[in-house]
Protein backbone atom coordinates (compact mmCIF):
# COMPACT_ATOMS: atom_id res chain seq x y z
CA UNK A 1 48.95 -70.30 -260.94
CA UNK A 2 47.79 -67.91 -263.68
CA UNK A 3 49.67 -65.47 -265.87
CA UNK A 4 48.29 -62.46 -267.74
CA UNK A 5 49.56 -61.15 -271.05
CA UNK A 6 51.14 -58.25 -269.19
CA UNK A 7 53.32 -60.71 -267.25
CA UNK A 8 54.28 -62.50 -270.45
CA UNK A 9 55.24 -59.28 -272.20
CA UNK A 10 57.07 -58.03 -269.13
CA UNK A 11 59.32 -61.09 -269.26
CA UNK A 12 59.87 -60.59 -272.97
CA UNK A 13 60.68 -56.92 -272.47
CA UNK A 14 63.21 -57.72 -269.77
CA UNK A 15 64.84 -60.30 -272.02
CA UNK A 16 64.94 -57.98 -275.03
CA UNK A 17 66.16 -54.89 -273.10
CA UNK A 18 63.03 -52.92 -273.88
CA UNK A 19 63.09 -49.12 -273.88
CA UNK A 20 60.08 -47.04 -272.73
CA UNK A 21 56.72 -48.62 -273.65
CA UNK A 22 58.01 -50.08 -276.90
CA UNK A 23 59.82 -53.36 -277.43
CA UNK A 24 61.67 -54.19 -280.61
CA UNK A 25 62.80 -57.50 -282.01
CA UNK A 26 65.38 -57.41 -284.80
CA UNK A 27 64.82 -59.64 -287.81
CA UNK A 28 66.38 -59.57 -291.26
CA UNK A 29 64.50 -62.08 -293.42
CA UNK A 30 60.96 -63.52 -293.58
CA UNK A 31 62.34 -66.85 -292.36
CA UNK A 32 63.83 -65.08 -289.36
CA UNK A 33 60.46 -63.48 -288.64
CA UNK A 34 58.81 -66.90 -288.71
CA UNK A 35 61.48 -68.18 -286.36
CA UNK A 36 60.84 -65.32 -283.93
CA UNK A 37 57.09 -65.86 -284.07
CA UNK A 38 57.84 -69.50 -283.37
CA UNK A 39 59.67 -68.41 -280.24
CA UNK A 40 56.55 -66.45 -279.23
CA UNK A 41 54.43 -69.55 -279.76
CA UNK A 42 56.86 -71.72 -277.81
CA UNK A 43 56.83 -69.28 -274.91
CA UNK A 44 53.05 -69.29 -274.85
CA UNK A 45 52.93 -73.10 -274.97
CA UNK A 46 55.41 -73.28 -272.11
CA UNK A 47 53.34 -70.85 -270.07
CA UNK A 48 50.20 -72.82 -270.80
CA UNK A 49 51.91 -76.00 -269.64
CA UNK A 50 52.86 -74.26 -266.40
CA UNK A 51 49.30 -73.04 -265.94
CA UNK A 52 46.53 -75.43 -266.98
CA UNK A 53 44.02 -72.59 -267.09
CA UNK A 54 46.02 -70.70 -269.74
CA UNK A 55 44.57 -71.35 -273.21
CA UNK A 56 43.11 -69.53 -276.19
CA UNK A 57 39.69 -71.16 -275.85
CA UNK A 58 36.82 -68.95 -274.87
CA UNK A 59 38.14 -65.81 -276.63
CA UNK A 60 37.19 -64.69 -280.13
CA UNK A 61 37.70 -61.57 -282.23
CA UNK A 62 34.24 -60.41 -283.30
CA UNK A 63 35.16 -57.32 -285.29
CA UNK A 64 38.02 -54.89 -285.80
CA UNK A 65 38.79 -51.63 -287.63
CA UNK A 66 41.97 -49.77 -288.47
CA UNK A 67 42.11 -46.12 -289.47
CA UNK A 68 44.86 -43.57 -289.90
CA UNK A 69 45.64 -40.05 -291.03
CA UNK A 70 48.95 -39.98 -292.80
CA UNK A 71 51.72 -38.47 -290.70
CA UNK A 72 49.47 -37.91 -287.68
CA UNK A 73 47.88 -40.99 -286.12
CA UNK A 74 47.04 -44.70 -286.40
CA UNK A 75 43.95 -46.03 -284.59
CA UNK A 76 43.14 -49.68 -283.87
CA UNK A 77 39.80 -50.85 -282.45
CA UNK A 78 38.44 -54.36 -281.90
CA UNK A 79 35.58 -56.09 -280.18
CA UNK A 80 36.27 -59.38 -278.42
CA UNK A 81 33.93 -61.99 -277.02
CA UNK A 82 35.27 -63.79 -273.97
CA UNK A 83 34.01 -65.97 -271.15
CA UNK A 84 36.14 -63.84 -268.80
CA UNK A 85 36.94 -60.15 -268.64
CA UNK A 86 39.88 -59.06 -270.78
CA UNK A 87 42.47 -57.26 -268.66
CA UNK A 88 45.41 -56.76 -271.01
CA UNK A 89 45.83 -56.07 -274.72
CA UNK A 90 48.54 -55.15 -277.22
CA UNK A 91 48.77 -54.32 -280.90
CA UNK A 92 51.92 -55.76 -282.54
CA UNK A 93 53.17 -54.13 -285.75
CA UNK A 94 55.66 -55.16 -288.41
CA UNK A 95 56.38 -52.48 -291.03
CA UNK A 96 57.53 -53.42 -294.52
CA UNK A 97 61.23 -52.70 -294.95
CA UNK A 98 62.02 -52.28 -291.25
CA UNK A 99 63.80 -54.80 -289.06
CA UNK A 100 61.68 -54.55 -285.93
CA UNK A 101 58.46 -55.69 -284.37
CA UNK A 102 56.64 -52.98 -282.38
CA UNK A 103 54.17 -53.57 -279.56
CA UNK A 104 51.85 -50.96 -278.02
CA UNK A 105 49.50 -51.29 -275.06
CA UNK A 106 45.77 -50.91 -275.67
CA UNK A 107 42.86 -49.90 -273.46
CA UNK A 108 40.12 -52.50 -272.81
CA UNK A 109 36.78 -51.53 -271.28
CA UNK A 110 34.29 -53.60 -269.31
CA UNK A 111 32.62 -54.73 -272.57
CA UNK A 112 35.89 -56.18 -273.86
CA UNK A 113 36.29 -53.38 -276.39
CA UNK A 114 39.95 -52.94 -277.45
CA UNK A 115 41.28 -49.52 -278.55
CA UNK A 116 44.60 -47.78 -278.99
CA UNK A 117 45.78 -44.72 -280.89
CA UNK A 118 49.38 -44.13 -281.93
CA UNK A 119 50.54 -40.60 -282.56
CA UNK A 120 53.08 -40.03 -285.31
CA UNK A 121 55.96 -39.38 -284.98
CA UNK A 122 55.81 -39.49 -281.14
CA UNK A 123 54.97 -43.20 -280.99
CA UNK A 124 55.86 -44.41 -284.45
CA UNK A 125 57.15 -42.89 -287.69
CA UNK A 126 56.69 -45.51 -290.42
CA UNK A 127 58.18 -44.85 -293.85
CA UNK A 128 55.62 -43.62 -296.33
CA UNK A 129 53.64 -45.89 -298.60
CA UNK A 130 54.49 -49.14 -296.84
CA UNK A 131 52.54 -52.22 -295.91
CA UNK A 132 51.95 -52.45 -292.15
CA UNK A 133 51.32 -55.99 -290.87
CA UNK A 134 49.76 -56.31 -287.42
CA UNK A 135 47.92 -58.61 -285.05
CA UNK A 136 45.93 -58.29 -281.83
CA UNK A 137 47.13 -59.92 -278.63
CA UNK A 138 44.91 -60.04 -275.51
CA UNK A 139 44.68 -61.83 -272.14
CA UNK A 140 41.87 -62.43 -269.66
CA UNK A 141 41.91 -62.05 -265.89
CA UNK A 142 42.05 -65.83 -265.43
CA UNK A 143 45.09 -66.23 -267.69
CA UNK A 144 43.62 -67.11 -271.11
CA UNK A 145 45.34 -65.51 -274.10
CA UNK A 146 44.36 -64.85 -277.70
CA UNK A 147 46.48 -63.94 -280.72
CA UNK A 148 44.61 -62.90 -283.87
CA UNK A 149 45.50 -63.81 -287.44
CA UNK A 150 47.92 -61.52 -289.27
CA UNK A 151 46.23 -58.43 -290.71
CA UNK A 152 47.57 -55.71 -293.04
CA UNK A 153 46.94 -52.12 -294.01
CA UNK A 154 48.70 -50.06 -296.64
CA UNK A 155 50.08 -46.82 -295.21
CA UNK A 156 49.27 -44.55 -298.14
CA UNK A 157 49.29 -40.76 -298.12
CA UNK A 158 45.55 -40.40 -297.60
CA UNK A 159 45.61 -36.63 -297.16
CA UNK A 160 44.80 -36.23 -300.87
CA UNK A 161 42.62 -37.83 -303.53
CA UNK A 162 45.12 -39.41 -305.89
CA UNK A 163 44.78 -40.00 -309.62
CA UNK A 164 46.82 -42.59 -311.50
CA UNK A 165 48.08 -42.99 -315.06
CA UNK A 166 50.11 -46.06 -316.09
CA UNK A 167 51.95 -47.35 -319.12
CA UNK A 168 54.67 -49.96 -319.54
CA UNK A 169 56.81 -50.02 -316.37
CA UNK A 170 55.65 -46.66 -315.01
CA UNK A 171 52.71 -45.42 -312.96
CA UNK A 172 52.21 -41.74 -312.26
CA UNK A 173 50.28 -40.81 -309.10
CA UNK A 174 49.23 -37.17 -308.76
CA UNK A 175 46.51 -35.00 -307.26
CA UNK A 176 47.33 -31.47 -308.53
CA UNK A 177 47.26 -30.67 -312.24
CA UNK A 178 45.34 -32.05 -315.20
CA UNK A 179 45.64 -35.15 -317.36
CA UNK A 180 48.03 -33.41 -319.76
CA UNK A 181 50.40 -32.73 -316.87
CA UNK A 182 50.42 -36.41 -315.91
CA UNK A 183 50.86 -37.50 -319.53
CA UNK A 184 53.94 -35.27 -319.84
CA UNK A 185 55.44 -36.91 -316.75
CA UNK A 186 54.68 -40.41 -318.03
CA UNK A 187 56.11 -39.66 -321.47
CA UNK A 188 59.28 -38.20 -319.98
CA UNK A 189 59.69 -41.21 -317.70
CA UNK A 190 59.62 -43.59 -320.67
CA UNK A 191 61.99 -41.39 -322.65
CA UNK A 192 64.30 -41.15 -319.62
CA UNK A 193 65.14 -44.85 -319.93
CA UNK A 194 66.81 -44.17 -323.28
CA UNK A 195 68.54 -41.10 -321.86
CA UNK A 196 70.10 -43.21 -319.12
CA UNK A 197 71.11 -45.86 -321.62
CA UNK A 198 72.98 -43.21 -323.62
CA UNK A 199 75.17 -42.71 -320.54
CA UNK A 200 75.54 -46.32 -319.39
CA UNK A 201 74.26 -49.62 -320.82
CA UNK A 202 71.56 -50.72 -318.38
CA UNK A 203 68.29 -52.63 -318.77
CA UNK A 204 65.07 -50.72 -318.31
CA UNK A 205 63.39 -50.73 -314.89
CA UNK A 206 60.96 -53.47 -313.92
CA UNK A 207 58.41 -51.27 -312.16
CA UNK A 208 58.47 -47.66 -311.00
CA UNK A 209 55.81 -45.72 -309.09
CA UNK A 210 56.10 -41.93 -309.37
CA UNK A 211 54.37 -39.74 -306.76
CA UNK A 212 54.08 -36.08 -307.73
CA UNK A 213 53.61 -33.34 -305.13
CA UNK A 214 53.05 -29.72 -306.15
CA UNK A 215 55.41 -28.25 -303.53
CA UNK A 216 58.45 -29.17 -301.47
CA UNK A 217 56.73 -28.95 -298.09
CA UNK A 218 54.30 -31.71 -299.00
CA UNK A 219 57.13 -33.77 -300.46
CA UNK A 220 59.25 -33.47 -297.31
CA UNK A 221 56.27 -34.58 -295.20
CA UNK A 222 56.48 -37.89 -297.04
CA UNK A 223 60.22 -38.32 -297.56
CA UNK A 224 60.99 -38.33 -293.86
CA UNK A 225 64.26 -40.19 -294.44
CA UNK A 226 65.81 -37.54 -296.69
CA UNK A 227 65.92 -34.64 -294.21
CA UNK A 228 67.22 -32.22 -296.88
CA UNK A 229 65.04 -29.13 -297.01
CA UNK A 230 65.99 -28.12 -300.55
CA UNK A 231 65.48 -31.57 -302.06
CA UNK A 232 63.10 -31.59 -305.01
CA UNK A 233 63.14 -35.35 -305.50
CA UNK A 234 63.84 -38.58 -303.67
CA UNK A 235 64.00 -42.24 -304.70
CA UNK A 236 62.93 -45.00 -302.35
CA UNK A 237 65.09 -47.46 -304.26
CA UNK A 238 64.23 -50.59 -302.32
CA UNK A 239 60.52 -50.01 -302.98
CA UNK A 240 60.80 -48.81 -306.63
CA UNK A 241 59.20 -45.49 -305.76
CA UNK A 242 60.13 -41.97 -306.82
CA UNK A 243 58.81 -38.90 -305.00
CA UNK A 244 58.99 -35.56 -306.83
CA UNK A 245 58.07 -31.96 -306.20
CA UNK A 246 56.75 -30.50 -309.48
CA UNK A 247 54.28 -27.63 -309.57
CA UNK A 248 51.90 -27.96 -312.54
CA UNK A 249 52.56 -24.49 -313.87
CA UNK A 250 54.07 -22.93 -317.00
CA UNK A 251 57.60 -23.92 -315.94
CA UNK A 252 56.80 -27.50 -315.02
CA UNK A 253 58.21 -28.92 -318.26
CA UNK A 254 61.75 -27.90 -317.28
CA UNK A 255 61.43 -29.54 -313.86
CA UNK A 256 59.94 -32.66 -315.44
CA UNK A 257 62.89 -32.92 -317.84
CA UNK A 258 65.38 -32.42 -315.02
CA UNK A 259 64.01 -34.38 -312.09
CA UNK A 260 62.49 -37.46 -313.68
CA UNK A 261 65.50 -38.70 -315.70
CA UNK A 262 67.76 -37.99 -312.71
CA UNK A 263 65.74 -40.19 -310.34
CA UNK A 264 65.10 -42.90 -312.92
CA UNK A 265 68.87 -43.18 -313.42
CA UNK A 266 69.21 -43.96 -309.70
CA UNK A 267 66.46 -46.56 -309.96
CA UNK A 268 67.96 -48.28 -313.01
CA UNK A 269 71.43 -48.42 -311.41
CA UNK A 270 69.99 -49.86 -308.20
CA UNK A 271 67.93 -52.52 -310.01
CA UNK A 272 70.80 -53.55 -312.28
CA UNK A 273 73.48 -53.78 -309.58
CA UNK A 274 71.59 -54.73 -306.45
CA UNK A 275 71.75 -52.88 -303.16
CA UNK A 276 75.23 -53.95 -302.01
CA UNK A 277 77.02 -53.14 -305.27
CA UNK A 278 75.07 -49.90 -305.69
CA UNK A 279 76.13 -48.69 -302.25
CA UNK A 280 79.79 -49.29 -303.13
CA UNK A 281 79.70 -46.77 -305.98
CA UNK A 282 81.23 -43.34 -305.30
CA UNK A 283 78.67 -40.58 -304.81
CA UNK A 284 80.23 -38.53 -307.63
CA UNK A 285 79.76 -41.47 -310.02
CA UNK A 286 76.11 -42.10 -309.13
CA UNK A 287 75.16 -38.41 -309.19
CA UNK A 288 77.26 -37.78 -312.29
CA UNK A 289 75.41 -40.48 -314.22
CA UNK A 290 72.05 -39.17 -312.99
CA UNK A 291 72.90 -35.57 -313.91
CA UNK A 292 74.12 -36.56 -317.37
CA UNK A 293 70.81 -38.32 -317.99
CA UNK A 294 68.83 -35.13 -317.41
CA UNK A 295 67.16 -33.61 -320.45
CA UNK A 296 67.42 -30.16 -318.92
CA UNK A 297 70.27 -29.44 -316.50
CA UNK A 298 71.03 -26.41 -314.37
CA UNK A 299 72.20 -23.76 -316.89
CA UNK A 300 74.49 -22.18 -314.28
CA UNK A 301 76.62 -25.28 -313.75
CA UNK A 302 79.44 -24.10 -316.06
CA UNK A 303 79.60 -20.68 -314.44
CA UNK A 304 79.53 -22.14 -310.93
CA UNK A 305 82.38 -24.48 -311.80
CA UNK A 306 84.57 -21.75 -313.26
CA UNK A 307 84.04 -19.47 -310.28
CA UNK A 308 84.70 -22.29 -307.82
CA UNK A 309 87.91 -23.22 -309.64
CA UNK A 310 89.14 -19.63 -309.63
CA UNK A 311 88.51 -19.03 -305.93
CA UNK A 312 89.76 -22.55 -305.07
CA UNK A 313 86.45 -23.69 -303.56
CA UNK A 314 85.89 -26.52 -306.03
CA UNK A 315 85.72 -29.76 -304.02
CA UNK A 316 88.06 -32.59 -304.93
CA UNK A 317 86.39 -35.68 -306.35
CA UNK A 318 87.86 -37.71 -303.48
CA UNK A 319 85.88 -35.50 -301.08
CA UNK A 320 82.74 -36.54 -303.02
CA UNK A 321 83.35 -40.28 -302.79
CA UNK A 322 81.11 -40.96 -299.78
CA UNK A 323 78.43 -38.30 -299.91
CA UNK A 324 77.56 -34.78 -301.05
CA UNK A 325 77.26 -31.74 -298.77
CA UNK A 326 73.81 -31.09 -297.34
CA UNK A 327 74.20 -27.30 -297.50
CA UNK A 328 72.57 -26.01 -300.68
CA UNK A 329 75.31 -23.89 -302.30
CA UNK A 330 78.04 -26.47 -301.60
CA UNK A 331 75.80 -29.27 -302.85
CA UNK A 332 75.02 -27.37 -306.05
CA UNK A 333 78.74 -26.96 -306.85
CA UNK A 334 79.28 -30.64 -306.06
CA UNK A 335 76.54 -31.68 -308.47
CA UNK A 336 78.02 -29.38 -311.11
CA UNK A 337 81.44 -30.99 -310.60
CA UNK A 338 80.03 -34.53 -310.82
CA UNK A 339 78.05 -33.62 -313.95
CA UNK A 340 81.09 -32.11 -315.68
CA UNK A 341 83.47 -34.91 -314.66
CA UNK A 342 81.03 -37.54 -315.92
CA UNK A 343 80.69 -35.66 -319.22
CA UNK A 344 84.49 -35.75 -319.52
CA UNK A 345 84.61 -39.50 -318.78
CA UNK A 346 81.92 -40.09 -321.39
CA UNK A 347 83.91 -38.21 -324.01
CA UNK A 348 87.01 -40.25 -323.18
CA UNK A 349 85.58 -43.73 -322.61
CA UNK A 350 82.14 -43.72 -324.26
CA UNK A 351 79.10 -45.66 -323.05
CA UNK A 352 80.87 -49.01 -322.74
CA UNK A 353 83.64 -47.37 -320.73
CA UNK A 354 81.18 -45.89 -318.23
CA UNK A 355 79.67 -49.34 -317.81
CA UNK A 356 83.13 -50.76 -317.15
CA UNK A 357 83.84 -48.00 -314.60
CA UNK A 358 80.63 -48.79 -312.73
CA UNK A 359 81.43 -52.49 -312.81
CA UNK A 360 84.95 -51.85 -311.48
CA UNK A 361 83.69 -49.81 -308.54
CA UNK A 362 80.93 -52.32 -307.80
CA UNK A 363 83.68 -54.89 -307.26
CA UNK A 364 86.25 -52.65 -305.57
CA UNK A 365 85.10 -49.75 -303.40
CA UNK A 366 88.55 -48.12 -303.21
CA UNK A 367 87.45 -44.73 -304.54
CA UNK A 368 90.96 -43.39 -305.20
CA UNK A 369 92.63 -46.47 -306.71
CA UNK A 370 89.73 -48.71 -307.76
CA UNK A 371 89.98 -47.67 -311.44
CA UNK A 372 93.75 -48.20 -311.84
CA UNK A 373 93.48 -51.83 -313.07
CA UNK A 374 90.87 -50.75 -315.64
CA UNK A 375 92.09 -47.34 -316.85
CA UNK A 376 95.71 -47.26 -315.73
CA UNK A 377 94.97 -44.08 -313.77
CA UNK A 378 93.78 -43.35 -310.24
CA UNK A 379 91.08 -40.84 -309.39
CA UNK A 380 93.56 -38.00 -308.82
CA UNK A 381 95.12 -38.47 -312.24
CA UNK A 382 91.69 -38.57 -313.88
CA UNK A 383 90.73 -35.41 -312.00
CA UNK A 384 93.82 -33.56 -313.22
CA UNK A 385 93.02 -34.62 -316.80
CA UNK A 386 89.49 -33.33 -316.34
CA UNK A 387 90.78 -30.01 -314.96
CA UNK A 388 93.05 -29.60 -317.97
CA UNK A 389 90.11 -30.26 -320.28
CA UNK A 390 87.50 -28.18 -318.43
CA UNK A 391 89.59 -25.28 -317.11
CA UNK A 392 92.29 -24.85 -319.75
CA UNK A 393 93.44 -21.39 -320.84
CA UNK A 394 91.00 -21.32 -323.73
CA UNK A 395 88.09 -21.66 -321.31
CA UNK A 396 89.49 -19.56 -318.53
CA UNK A 397 90.27 -16.10 -319.95
CA UNK A 398 91.69 -13.93 -317.20
CA UNK A 399 92.09 -16.67 -314.59
CA UNK A 400 95.37 -16.51 -312.72
CA UNK A 401 97.91 -19.20 -313.61
CA UNK A 402 99.14 -19.12 -310.02
CA UNK A 403 95.70 -20.07 -308.81
CA UNK A 404 95.50 -22.98 -311.25
CA UNK A 405 98.91 -24.22 -310.12
CA UNK A 406 97.81 -23.98 -306.48
CA UNK A 407 94.80 -26.15 -307.18
CA UNK A 408 96.96 -28.78 -308.87
CA UNK A 409 99.53 -28.73 -306.06
CA UNK A 410 96.79 -29.30 -303.50
CA UNK A 411 95.53 -32.30 -305.45
CA UNK A 412 99.06 -33.69 -305.82
CA UNK A 413 99.64 -33.36 -302.07
CA UNK A 414 96.37 -35.18 -301.41
CA UNK A 415 97.44 -37.95 -303.78
CA UNK A 416 100.81 -38.35 -302.09
CA UNK A 417 99.20 -38.58 -298.66
CA UNK A 418 96.76 -41.22 -299.90
CA UNK A 419 99.56 -43.16 -301.57
CA UNK A 420 101.56 -43.28 -298.32
CA UNK A 421 98.43 -44.31 -296.41
CA UNK A 422 97.73 -47.14 -298.85
CA UNK A 423 101.32 -48.41 -298.67
CA UNK A 424 101.17 -48.45 -294.86
CA UNK A 425 97.82 -50.24 -294.92
CA UNK A 426 99.22 -52.89 -297.26
CA UNK A 427 102.28 -53.30 -295.04
CA UNK A 428 100.05 -53.98 -292.03
């Protein structure tokens, strides 16, 4: 009785409820990955025991090559030497940061040459700038199998010839613009640490890689997880990478002073708190801190806020607890609101107070009432105080008092509804 690799994988696919030509095995830690690979080994040993002819002897990997074009294709080729004809082959991939193993079928010719090409994103869409671990798996017509050693390639954006400039914790990677442009980015990144620390007491980052693209289209090709067409920057927090769209032109200094401190604030918060605590923070808090760290902010924020308050389109802070709108105009007003509210909190509670607010939310993710034990006020009460400070008569001119009262009544109604909901939840 003999078994080919195709039969082995078919059994695995059936067990793991495979979809299409791809099977996936969930794992969450390196130890879990080792355990799963141990299961693979145990299955192979069991199959060998059932079939005396099934062994790895007589097969060797003579050579192999791996090539790719970022965002388009990955190609794997290998030459095997075997006493018998190879009839089945697979490439197995494990991508840094993802919780799956991926297996793809390869073509093998009469000379035991192995080849397969994966088209992105049809077959696979790996996150940018990640390590891809892989190994070759083949079987002969008489049941022998071979599993290669673990190999790795780094999935870099190889569409461009990158330059790099590094100092302290920061490395700037760019391909458009001169050395002075990169030096300005690096200098701003180091200065941004102090800007963030003026908002909240945090240690500096351990390591940050900045990748600078000259336009948004090229940026969005890389940041395939963001899916926001107007985004000018994105932080891959788990990998300590920041992707930015900054054109090296006469106006680049303003974008450098806006984007870089904003994204570094996200990175410093993430590193200081850890992923779980960071994800518990309200969106308005995270974005408010990042916006307040900017050296150059949107000059129209104040006007946008006043207009939104007058026409009653200003979002409540509670509506900005989970996420911000993806539509550009609504998102811009939301960022303006978060920036202004954070500025108000800074004036009231200073740097230490902002640190205490972040700590409170990292321990209690109740966005409306999580600050009551610390400040003696819930989010609604803080919002009303901010409105009184930001949109008082002295700042408002001809604004209608009726409209201001309507805004406050809406917020009070929202607070009452949330209070009743919390009391019912506690009763249950």
